PDB file of N, CA and C in Angstrom:
ATOM      1  N   MET A   1      -1.232  21.337   0.196  1.00  0.00           N
ATOM      2  CA  MET A   1      -1.740  21.400   1.564  1.00  0.00           C
ATOM      3  C   MET A   1      -1.381  22.769   2.153  1.00  0.00           C
ATOM      4  N   ASP A   2      -2.380  23.463   2.711  1.00  0.00           N
ATOM      5  CA  ASP A   2      -2.095  24.800   3.224  1.00  0.00           C
ATOM      6  C   ASP A   2      -1.409  24.748   4.594  1.00  0.00           C
ATOM      7  N   GLN A   3      -0.857  25.881   4.965  1.00  0.00           N
ATOM      8  CA  GLN A   3      -0.049  25.965   6.188  1.00  0.00           C
ATOM      9  C   GLN A   3      -0.891  25.679   7.433  1.00  0.00           C
ATOM     10  N   ASP A   4      -2.160  26.138   7.440  1.00  0.00           N
ATOM     11  CA  ASP A   4      -3.021  25.904   8.606  1.00  0.00           C
ATOM     12  C   ASP A   4      -3.244  24.418   8.837  1.00  0.00           C
ATOM     13  N   LEU A   5      -3.511  23.692   7.743  1.00  0.00           N
ATOM     14  CA  LEU A   5      -3.731  22.253   7.868  1.00  0.00           C
ATOM     15  C   LEU A   5      -2.451  21.559   8.330  1.00  0.00           C
ATOM     16  N   LYS A   6      -1.325  21.988   7.781  1.00  0.00           N
ATOM     17  CA  LYS A   6      -0.047  21.396   8.185  1.00  0.00           C
ATOM     18  C   LYS A   6       0.187  21.615   9.678  1.00  0.00           C
ATOM     19  N   GLU A   7      -0.123  22.828  10.156  1.00  0.00           N
ATOM     20  CA  GLU A   7       0.039  23.123  11.581  1.00  0.00           C
ATOM     21  C   GLU A   7      -0.911  22.282  12.429  1.00  0.00           C
ATOM     22  N   SER A   8      -2.132  22.049  11.941  1.00  0.00           N
ATOM     23  CA  SER A   8      -3.086  21.197  12.664  1.00  0.00           C
ATOM     24  C   SER A   8      -2.553  19.774  12.779  1.00  0.00           C
ATOM     25  N   ILE A   9      -1.994  19.281  11.678  1.00  0.00           N
ATOM     26  CA  ILE A   9      -1.452  17.920  11.659  1.00  0.00           C
ATOM     27  C   ILE A   9      -0.259  17.821  12.616  1.00  0.00           C
ATOM     28  N   MET A  10       0.653  18.791  12.540  1.00  0.00           N
ATOM     29  CA  MET A  10       1.818  18.768  13.429  1.00  0.00           C
ATOM     30  C   MET A  10       1.376  18.896  14.889  1.00  0.00           C
ATOM     31  N   GLY A  11       0.341  19.703  15.117  1.00  0.00           N
ATOM     32  CA  GLY A  11      -0.195  19.846  16.477  1.00  0.00           C
ATOM     33  C   GLY A  11      -0.742  18.524  16.991  1.00  0.00           C
ATOM     34  N   ALA A  12      -1.443  17.796  16.121  1.00  0.00           N
ATOM     35  CA  ALA A  12      -1.972  16.481  16.509  1.00  0.00           C
ATOM     36  C   ALA A  12      -0.827  15.513  16.799  1.00  0.00           C
ATOM     37  N   LEU A  13       0.231  15.599  15.998  1.00  0.00           N
ATOM     38  CA  LEU A  13       1.367  14.695  16.173  1.00  0.00           C
ATOM     39  C   LEU A  13       2.145  14.993  17.452  1.00  0.00           C
ATOM     40  N   GLU A  14       1.991  16.201  17.984  1.00  0.00           N
ATOM     41  CA  GLU A  14       2.642  16.525  19.253  1.00  0.00           C
ATOM     42  C   GLU A  14       2.024  15.741  20.413  1.00  0.00           C
ATOM     43  N   ASN A  15       0.892  15.094  20.172  1.00  0.00           N
ATOM     44  CA  ASN A  15       0.278  14.243  21.194  1.00  0.00           C
ATOM     45  C   ASN A  15       0.876  12.844  21.214  1.00  0.00           C
ATOM     46  N   VAL A  16       1.731  12.535  20.246  1.00  0.00           N
ATOM     47  CA  VAL A  16       2.363  11.217  20.182  1.00  0.00           C
ATOM     48  C   VAL A  16       3.699  11.303  20.925  1.00  0.00           C
ATOM     49  N   ILE A  17       3.767  10.607  22.047  1.00  0.00           N
ATOM     50  CA  ILE A  17       4.949  10.681  22.907  1.00  0.00           C
ATOM     51  C   ILE A  17       5.835   9.468  22.650  1.00  0.00           C
ATOM     52  N   ASP A  18       7.120   9.717  22.444  1.00  0.00           N
ATOM     53  CA  ASP A  18       8.083   8.619  22.325  1.00  0.00           C
ATOM     54  C   ASP A  18       8.191   7.961  23.701  1.00  0.00           C
ATOM     55  N   PRO A  19       7.816   6.664  23.807  1.00  0.00           N
ATOM     56  CA  PRO A  19       7.755   6.029  25.127  1.00  0.00           C
ATOM     57  C   PRO A  19       9.112   5.959  25.832  1.00  0.00           C
ATOM     58  N   GLU A  20      10.188   5.890  25.060  1.00  0.00           N
ATOM     59  CA  GLU A  20      11.515   5.782  25.667  1.00  0.00           C
ATOM     60  C   GLU A  20      11.980   7.101  26.272  1.00  0.00           C
ATOM     61  N   LEU A  21      11.729   8.211  25.558  1.00  0.00           N
ATOM     62  CA  LEU A  21      12.247   9.506  25.987  1.00  0.00           C
ATOM     63  C   LEU A  21      11.213  10.375  26.684  1.00  0.00           C
ATOM     64  N   GLY A  22       9.924  10.040  26.509  1.00  0.00           N
ATOM     65  CA  GLY A  22       8.873  10.795  27.186  1.00  0.00           C
ATOM     66  C   GLY A  22       8.619  12.172  26.604  1.00  0.00           C
ATOM     67  N   ILE A  23       9.033  12.368  25.354  1.00  0.00           N
ATOM     68  CA  ILE A  23       8.830  13.648  24.672  1.00  0.00           C
ATOM     69  C   ILE A  23       8.154  13.363  23.337  1.00  0.00           C
ATOM     70  N   ASP A  24       7.341  14.314  22.868  1.00  0.00           N
ATOM     71  CA  ASP A  24       6.581  14.062  21.637  1.00  0.00           C
ATOM     72  C   ASP A  24       7.496  13.982  20.414  1.00  0.00           C
ATOM     73  N   ILE A  25       7.001  13.278  19.398  1.00  0.00           N
ATOM     74  CA  ILE A  25       7.797  12.996  18.202  1.00  0.00           C
ATOM     75  C   ILE A  25       8.113  14.247  17.386  1.00  0.00           C
ATOM     76  N   VAL A  26       7.292  15.311  17.519  1.00  0.00           N
ATOM     77  CA  VAL A  26       7.566  16.544  16.772  1.00  0.00           C
ATOM     78  C   VAL A  26       8.768  17.262  17.380  1.00  0.00           C
ATOM     79  N   ASN A  27       8.757  17.444  18.708  1.00  0.00           N
ATOM     80  CA  ASN A  27       9.873  18.123  19.358  1.00  0.00           C
ATOM     81  C   ASN A  27      11.162  17.307  19.308  1.00  0.00           C
ATOM     82  N   LEU A  28      11.026  16.000  19.205  1.00  0.00           N
ATOM     83  CA  LEU A  28      12.216  15.159  19.053  1.00  0.00           C
ATOM     84  C   LEU A  28      12.804  15.264  17.646  1.00  0.00           C
ATOM     85  N   GLY A  29      12.030  15.820  16.714  1.00  0.00           N
ATOM     86  CA  GLY A  29      12.523  15.947  15.344  1.00  0.00           C
ATOM     87  C   GLY A  29      12.393  14.657  14.550  1.00  0.00           C
ATOM     88  N   LEU A  30      11.479  13.787  14.982  1.00  0.00           N
ATOM     89  CA  LEU A  30      11.305  12.509  14.290  1.00  0.00           C
ATOM     90  C   LEU A  30      10.413  12.627  13.059  1.00  0.00           C
ATOM     91  N   VAL A  31       9.580  13.674  13.002  1.00  0.00           N
ATOM     92  CA  VAL A  31       8.689  13.859  11.856  1.00  0.00           C
ATOM     93  C   VAL A  31       9.418  14.689  10.809  1.00  0.00           C
ATOM     94  N   TYR A  32       9.694  14.080   9.658  1.00  0.00           N
ATOM     95  CA  TYR A  32      10.430  14.763   8.599  1.00  0.00           C
ATOM     96  C   TYR A  32       9.509  15.516   7.650  1.00  0.00           C
ATOM     97  N   ASP A  33       8.321  14.947   7.382  1.00  0.00           N
ATOM     98  CA  ASP A  33       7.432  15.593   6.424  1.00  0.00           C
ATOM     99  C   ASP A  33       6.014  15.071   6.596  1.00  0.00           C
ATOM    100  N   VAL A  34       5.051  15.919   6.281  1.00  0.00           N
ATOM    101  CA  VAL A  34       3.646  15.489   6.184  1.00  0.00           C
ATOM    102  C   VAL A  34       3.136  15.982   4.837  1.00  0.00           C
ATOM    103  N   ASP A  35       2.404  15.115   4.157  1.00  0.00           N
ATOM    104  CA  ASP A  35       1.894  15.475   2.838  1.00  0.00           C
ATOM    105  C   ASP A  35       0.531  14.827   2.653  1.00  0.00           C
ATOM    106  N   MET A  36      -0.384  15.554   2.022  1.00  0.00           N
ATOM    107  CA  MET A  36      -1.722  15.010   1.808  1.00  0.00           C
ATOM    108  C   MET A  36      -2.168  15.277   0.388  1.00  0.00           C
ATOM    109  N   ASN A  37      -2.798  14.275  -0.229  1.00  0.00           N
ATOM    110  CA  ASN A  37      -3.324  14.471  -1.582  1.00  0.00           C
ATOM    111  C   ASN A  37      -4.764  14.980  -1.522  1.00  0.00           C
ATOM    112  N   GLU A  38      -5.366  15.196  -2.699  1.00  0.00           N
ATOM    113  CA  GLU A  38      -6.722  15.767  -2.748  1.00  0.00           C
ATOM    114  C   GLU A  38      -7.776  14.855  -2.126  1.00  0.00           C
ATOM    115  N   GLU A  39      -7.482  13.547  -2.099  1.00  0.00           N
ATOM    116  CA  GLU A  39      -8.460  12.606  -1.538  1.00  0.00           C
ATOM    117  C   GLU A  39      -8.404  12.536  -0.014  1.00  0.00           C
ATOM    118  N   GLY A  40      -7.475  13.280   0.593  1.00  0.00           N
ATOM    119  CA  GLY A  40      -7.375  13.269   2.053  1.00  0.00           C
ATOM    120  C   GLY A  40      -6.504  12.145   2.581  1.00  0.00           C
ATOM    121  N   ALA A  41      -5.665  11.569   1.712  1.00  0.00           N
ATOM    122  CA  ALA A  41      -4.730  10.536   2.158  1.00  0.00           C
ATOM    123  C   ALA A  41      -3.458  11.225   2.641  1.00  0.00           C
ATOM    124  N   LEU A  42      -3.201  11.093   3.927  1.00  0.00           N
ATOM    125  CA  LEU A  42      -2.059  11.746   4.546  1.00  0.00           C
ATOM    126  C   LEU A  42      -0.883  10.783   4.610  1.00  0.00           C
ATOM    127  N   THR A  43       0.294  11.277   4.236  1.00  0.00           N
ATOM    128  CA  THR A  43       1.518  10.506   4.403  1.00  0.00           C
ATOM    129  C   THR A  43       2.394  11.228   5.411  1.00  0.00           C
ATOM    130  N   VAL A  44       2.727  10.529   6.484  1.00  0.00           N
ATOM    131  CA  VAL A  44       3.632  11.073   7.494  1.00  0.00           C
ATOM    132  C   VAL A  44       4.973  10.375   7.300  1.00  0.00           C
ATOM    133  N   THR A  45       5.984  11.141   6.909  1.00  0.00           N
ATOM    134  CA  THR A  45       7.324  10.587   6.753  1.00  0.00           C
ATOM    135  C   THR A  45       8.096  10.887   8.028  1.00  0.00           C
ATOM    136  N   MET A  46       8.529   9.830   8.696  1.00  0.00           N
ATOM    137  CA  MET A  46       9.194  10.012   9.984  1.00  0.00           C
ATOM    138  C   MET A  46      10.240   8.932  10.200  1.00  0.00           C
ATOM    139  N   THR A  47      10.997   9.097  11.258  1.00  0.00           N
ATOM    140  CA  THR A  47      11.985   8.097  11.625  1.00  0.00           C
ATOM    141  C   THR A  47      11.785   7.732  13.084  1.00  0.00           C
ATOM    142  N   LEU A  48      12.606   6.843  13.581  1.00  0.00           N
ATOM    143  CA  LEU A  48      12.576   6.467  14.995  1.00  0.00           C
ATOM    144  C   LEU A  48      13.956   6.762  15.578  1.00  0.00           C
ATOM    145  N   THR A  49      14.034   6.836  16.900  1.00  0.00           N
ATOM    146  CA  THR A  49      15.311   7.206  17.513  1.00  0.00           C
ATOM    147  C   THR A  49      16.372   6.135  17.329  1.00  0.00           C
ATOM    148  N   SER A  50      15.946   4.879  17.154  1.00  0.00           N
ATOM    149  CA  SER A  50      16.940   3.831  16.928  1.00  0.00           C
ATOM    150  C   SER A  50      16.401   2.797  15.955  1.00  0.00           C
ATOM    151  N   LEU A  51      17.314   2.211  15.200  1.00  0.00           N
ATOM    152  CA  LEU A  51      16.957   1.270  14.147  1.00  0.00           C
ATOM    153  C   LEU A  51      16.167   0.083  14.688  1.00  0.00           C
ATOM    154  N   GLY A  52      16.552  -0.415  15.846  1.00  0.00           N
ATOM    155  CA  GLY A  52      15.872  -1.584  16.402  1.00  0.00           C
ATOM    156  C   GLY A  52      14.783  -1.230  17.383  1.00  0.00           C
ATOM    157  N   CYS A  53      14.232  -0.033  17.259  1.00  0.00           N
ATOM    158  CA  CYS A  53      13.226   0.433  18.219  1.00  0.00           C
ATOM    159  C   CYS A  53      12.043  -0.533  18.254  1.00  0.00           C
ATOM    160  N   PRO A  54      11.869  -1.262  19.377  1.00  0.00           N
ATOM    161  CA  PRO A  54      10.775  -2.239  19.460  1.00  0.00           C
ATOM    162  C   PRO A  54       9.410  -1.570  19.517  1.00  0.00           C
ATOM    163  N   LEU A  55       9.392  -0.262  19.784  1.00  0.00           N
ATOM    164  CA  LEU A  55       8.128   0.450  19.936  1.00  0.00           C
ATOM    165  C   LEU A  55       7.652   1.070  18.640  1.00  0.00           C
ATOM    166  N   GLY A  56       8.365   0.809  17.536  1.00  0.00           N
ATOM    167  CA  GLY A  56       7.970   1.362  16.246  1.00  0.00           C
ATOM    168  C   GLY A  56       6.504   1.167  15.918  1.00  0.00           C
ATOM    169  N   PRO A  57       5.998  -0.089  15.973  1.00  0.00           N
ATOM    170  CA  PRO A  57       4.576  -0.313  15.644  1.00  0.00           C
ATOM    171  C   PRO A  57       3.629   0.437  16.573  1.00  0.00           C
ATOM    172  N   VAL A  58       3.987   0.586  17.832  1.00  0.00           N
ATOM    173  CA  VAL A  58       3.161   1.317  18.794  1.00  0.00           C
ATOM    174  C   VAL A  58       3.098   2.790  18.391  1.00  0.00           C
ATOM    175  N   ILE A  59       4.253   3.355  18.048  1.00  0.00           N
ATOM    176  CA  ILE A  59       4.312   4.766  17.653  1.00  0.00           C
ATOM    177  C   ILE A  59       3.517   4.986  16.364  1.00  0.00           C
ATOM    178  N   VAL A  60       3.639   4.075  15.407  1.00  0.00           N
ATOM    179  CA  VAL A  60       2.883   4.175  14.152  1.00  0.00           C
ATOM    180  C   VAL A  60       1.376   4.192  14.438  1.00  0.00           C
ATOM    181  N   ASP A  61       0.914   3.293  15.303  1.00  0.00           N
ATOM    182  CA  ASP A  61      -0.508   3.265  15.671  1.00  0.00           C
ATOM    183  C   ASP A  61      -0.931   4.583  16.320  1.00  0.00           C
ATOM    184  N   GLN A  62      -0.076   5.117  17.186  1.00  0.00           N
ATOM    185  CA  GLN A  62      -0.403   6.374  17.866  1.00  0.00           C
ATOM    186  C   GLN A  62      -0.462   7.536  16.878  1.00  0.00           C
ATOM    187  N   VAL A  63       0.426   7.526  15.882  1.00  0.00           N
ATOM    188  CA  VAL A  63       0.402   8.563  14.845  1.00  0.00           C
ATOM    189  C   VAL A  63      -0.931   8.512  14.105  1.00  0.00           C
ATOM    190  N   LYS A  64      -1.340   7.305  13.709  1.00  0.00           N
ATOM    191  CA  LYS A  64      -2.609   7.152  12.978  1.00  0.00           C
ATOM    192  C   LYS A  64      -3.793   7.623  13.813  1.00  0.00           C
ATOM    193  N   THR A  65      -3.781   7.273  15.094  1.00  0.00           N
ATOM    194  CA  THR A  65      -4.862   7.686  15.989  1.00  0.00           C
ATOM    195  C   THR A  65      -4.883   9.196  16.165  1.00  0.00           C
ATOM    196  N   ALA A  66      -3.712   9.792  16.328  1.00  0.00           N
ATOM    197  CA  ALA A  66      -3.617  11.235  16.604  1.00  0.00           C
ATOM    198  C   ALA A  66      -4.198  12.070  15.467  1.00  0.00           C
ATOM    199  N   VAL A  67      -3.912  11.695  14.217  1.00  0.00           N
ATOM    200  CA  VAL A  67      -4.373  12.518  13.093  1.00  0.00           C
ATOM    201  C   VAL A  67      -5.759  12.126  12.596  1.00  0.00           C
ATOM    202  N   SER A  68      -6.265  10.977  13.040  1.00  0.00           N
ATOM    203  CA  SER A  68      -7.575  10.526  12.546  1.00  0.00           C
ATOM    204  C   SER A  68      -8.718  11.408  13.048  1.00  0.00           C
ATOM    205  N   ASP A  69      -8.471  12.214  14.073  1.00  0.00           N
ATOM    206  CA  ASP A  69      -9.510  13.119  14.571  1.00  0.00           C
ATOM    207  C   ASP A  69      -9.696  14.337  13.663  1.00  0.00           C
ATOM    208  N   LEU A  70      -8.723  14.606  12.801  1.00  0.00           N
ATOM    209  CA  LEU A  70      -8.837  15.767  11.917  1.00  0.00           C
ATOM    210  C   LEU A  70      -9.790  15.441  10.769  1.00  0.00           C
ATOM    211  N   PRO A  71     -10.805  16.301  10.546  1.00  0.00           N
ATOM    212  CA  PRO A  71     -11.818  15.991   9.527  1.00  0.00           C
ATOM    213  C   PRO A  71     -11.254  15.862   8.117  1.00  0.00           C
ATOM    214  N   GLU A  72     -10.152  16.578   7.831  1.00  0.00           N
ATOM    215  CA  GLU A  72      -9.585  16.542   6.475  1.00  0.00           C
ATOM    216  C   GLU A  72      -8.895  15.214   6.165  1.00  0.00           C
ATOM    217  N   VAL A  73      -8.482  14.514   7.223  1.00  0.00           N
ATOM    218  CA  VAL A  73      -7.690  13.295   7.040  1.00  0.00           C
ATOM    219  C   VAL A  73      -8.615  12.086   6.870  1.00  0.00           C
ATOM    220  N   LYS A  74      -8.561  11.486   5.693  1.00  0.00           N
ATOM    221  CA  LYS A  74      -9.404  10.318   5.411  1.00  0.00           C
ATOM    222  C   LYS A  74      -8.635   9.011   5.579  1.00  0.00           C
ATOM    223  N   ASP A  75      -7.328   9.071   5.319  1.00  0.00           N
ATOM    224  CA  ASP A  75      -6.507   7.870   5.371  1.00  0.00           C
ATOM    225  C   ASP A  75      -5.099   8.284   5.780  1.00  0.00           C
ATOM    226  N   VAL A  76      -4.392   7.406   6.474  1.00  0.00           N
ATOM    227  CA  VAL A  76      -3.050   7.743   6.950  1.00  0.00           C
ATOM    228  C   VAL A  76      -2.074   6.639   6.586  1.00  0.00           C
ATOM    229  N   ASP A  77      -0.956   7.049   6.015  1.00  0.00           N
ATOM    230  CA  ASP A  77       0.133   6.127   5.756  1.00  0.00           C
ATOM    231  C   ASP A  77       1.356   6.673   6.480  1.00  0.00           C
ATOM    232  N   VAL A  78       1.964   5.839   7.333  1.00  0.00           N
ATOM    233  CA  VAL A  78       3.160   6.260   8.051  1.00  0.00           C
ATOM    234  C   VAL A  78       4.355   5.607   7.372  1.00  0.00           C
ATOM    235  N   ASN A  79       5.220   6.462   6.842  1.00  0.00           N
ATOM    236  CA  ASN A  79       6.388   6.001   6.105  1.00  0.00           C
ATOM    237  C   ASN A  79       7.612   6.165   7.003  1.00  0.00           C
ATOM    238  N   ILE A  80       8.134   5.045   7.515  1.00  0.00           N
ATOM    239  CA  ILE A  80       9.322   5.092   8.379  1.00  0.00           C
ATOM    240  C   ILE A  80      10.560   5.051   7.493  1.00  0.00           C
ATOM    241  N   VAL A  81      11.414   6.063   7.634  1.00  0.00           N
ATOM    242  CA  VAL A  81      12.642   6.123   6.840  1.00  0.00           C
ATOM    243  C   VAL A  81      13.851   6.191   7.777  1.00  0.00           C
ATOM    244  N   TRP A  82      14.989   5.767   7.268  1.00  0.00           N
ATOM    245  CA  TRP A  82      16.222   5.800   8.070  1.00  0.00           C
ATOM    246  C   TRP A  82      17.239   6.769   7.487  1.00  0.00           C
ATOM    247  N   ASN A  83      16.845   7.474   6.431  1.00  0.00           N
ATOM    248  CA  ASN A  83      17.736   8.422   5.801  1.00  0.00           C
ATOM    249  C   ASN A  83      16.963   9.710   5.569  1.00  0.00           C
ATOM    250  N   PRO A  84      17.352  10.860   6.080  1.00  0.00           N
ATOM    251  CA  PRO A  84      18.563  11.027   6.886  1.00  0.00           C
ATOM    252  C   PRO A  84      18.411  10.413   8.274  1.00  0.00           C
ATOM    253  N   PRO A  85      19.507   9.897   8.831  1.00  0.00           N
ATOM    254  CA  PRO A  85      19.407   9.296  10.163  1.00  0.00           C
ATOM    255  C   PRO A  85      19.107  10.355  11.217  1.00  0.00           C
ATOM    256  N   TRP A  86      18.350   9.955  12.220  1.00  0.00           N
ATOM    257  CA  TRP A  86      18.005  10.880  13.302  1.00  0.00           C
ATOM    258  C   TRP A  86      19.227  11.122  14.184  1.00  0.00           C
ATOM    259  N   SER A  87      19.348  12.355  14.662  1.00  0.00           N
ATOM    260  CA  SER A  87      20.381  12.659  15.644  1.00  0.00           C
ATOM    261  C   SER A  87      19.821  13.674  16.630  1.00  0.00           C
ATOM    262  N   LYS A  88      20.502  13.850  17.726  1.00  0.00           N
ATOM    263  CA  LYS A  88      20.047  14.801  18.750  1.00  0.00           C
ATOM    264  C   LYS A  88      19.952  16.217  18.199  1.00  0.00           C
ATOM    265  N   ASP A  89      20.680  16.510  17.119  1.00  0.00           N
ATOM    266  CA  ASP A  89      20.639  17.848  16.519  1.00  0.00           C
ATOM    267  C   ASP A  89      19.251  18.197  15.980  1.00  0.00           C
ATOM    268  N   LYS A  90      18.443  17.197  15.684  1.00  0.00           N
ATOM    269  CA  LYS A  90      17.109  17.442  15.119  1.00  0.00           C
ATOM    270  C   LYS A  90      16.088  17.830  16.195  1.00  0.00           C
ATOM    271  N   MET A  91      16.457  17.668  17.470  1.00  0.00           N
ATOM    272  CA  MET A  91      15.533  17.959  18.555  1.00  0.00           C
ATOM    273  C   MET A  91      15.329  19.461  18.724  1.00  0.00           C
ATOM    274  N   SER A  92      14.137  19.846  19.161  1.00  0.00           N
ATOM    275  CA  SER A  92      13.870  21.257  19.454  1.00  0.00           C
ATOM    276  C   SER A  92      14.615  21.648  20.729  1.00  0.00           C
ATOM    277  N   ARG A  93      14.724  22.939  20.933  1.00  0.00           N
ATOM    278  CA  ARG A  93      15.370  23.454  22.147  1.00  0.00           C
ATOM    279  C   ARG A  93      14.642  22.922  23.381  1.00  0.00           C
ATOM    280  N   TYR A  94      13.322  22.864  23.303  1.00  0.00           N
ATOM    281  CA  TYR A  94      12.516  22.358  24.416  1.00  0.00           C
ATOM    282  C   TYR A  94      12.894  20.918  24.755  1.00  0.00           C
ATOM    283  N   ALA A  95      13.002  20.067  23.722  1.00  0.00           N
ATOM    284  CA  ALA A  95      13.320  18.661  23.953  1.00  0.00           C
ATOM    285  C   ALA A  95      14.715  18.516  24.555  1.00  0.00           C
ATOM    286  N   LYS A  96      15.666  19.293  24.051  1.00  0.00           N
ATOM    287  CA  LYS A  96      17.033  19.233  24.582  1.00  0.00           C
ATOM    288  C   LYS A  96      17.068  19.640  26.045  1.00  0.00           C
ATOM    289  N   MET A  97      16.322  20.694  26.385  1.00  0.00           N
ATOM    290  CA  MET A  97      16.291  21.155  27.778  1.00  0.00           C
ATOM    291  C   MET A  97      15.642  20.090  28.662  1.00  0.00           C
ATOM    292  N   ALA A  98      14.548  19.500  28.175  1.00  0.00           N
ATOM    293  CA  ALA A  98      13.834  18.499  28.970  1.00  0.00           C
ATOM    294  C   ALA A  98      14.693  17.278  29.261  1.00  0.00           C
ATOM    295  N   LEU A  99      15.592  16.955  28.299  1.00  0.00           N
ATOM    296  CA  LEU A  99      16.449  15.787  28.471  1.00  0.00           C
ATOM    297  C   LEU A  99      17.827  16.142  29.024  1.00  0.00           C
ATOM    298  N   GLY A 100      18.048  17.428  29.273  1.00  0.00           N
ATOM    299  CA  GLY A 100      19.323  17.855  29.846  1.00  0.00           C
ATOM    300  C   GLY A 100      20.473  17.783  28.859  1.00  0.00           C
ATOM    301  N   ILE A 101      20.176  17.985  27.581  1.00  0.00           N
ATOM    302  CA  ILE A 101      21.216  17.964  26.542  1.00  0.00           C
ATOM    303  C   ILE A 101      21.552  19.402  26.163  1.00  0.00           C
ATOM    304  N   ARG A 102      22.823  19.726  26.125  1.00  0.00           N
ATOM    305  CA  ARG A 102      23.213  21.094  25.746  1.00  0.00           C
ATOM    306  C   ARG A 102      23.551  21.157  24.282  1.00  0.00           C
TER     307      ARG A 102
END
């Protein structure tokens, strides 16, 4: 997958807002990897801010919707992983500032 396509996918994922924190999943550092095969099947490897996050299915649906507008993406699989565990260190500077974290 070329860098332009990866940037398009990450850009689309920036439209997915974590309902609890009000910041997109990319700036929160929840998206660990995106990978696509030749058939256009995209795998988004990501985590959630907490293990018992009741909004997991909602976020997964939003991820699928966000990337489905890209012509290259034919199918989407969202792989939720808990390792490595998410921490505030994974957040972008923007997300930390928005949440008042130093």
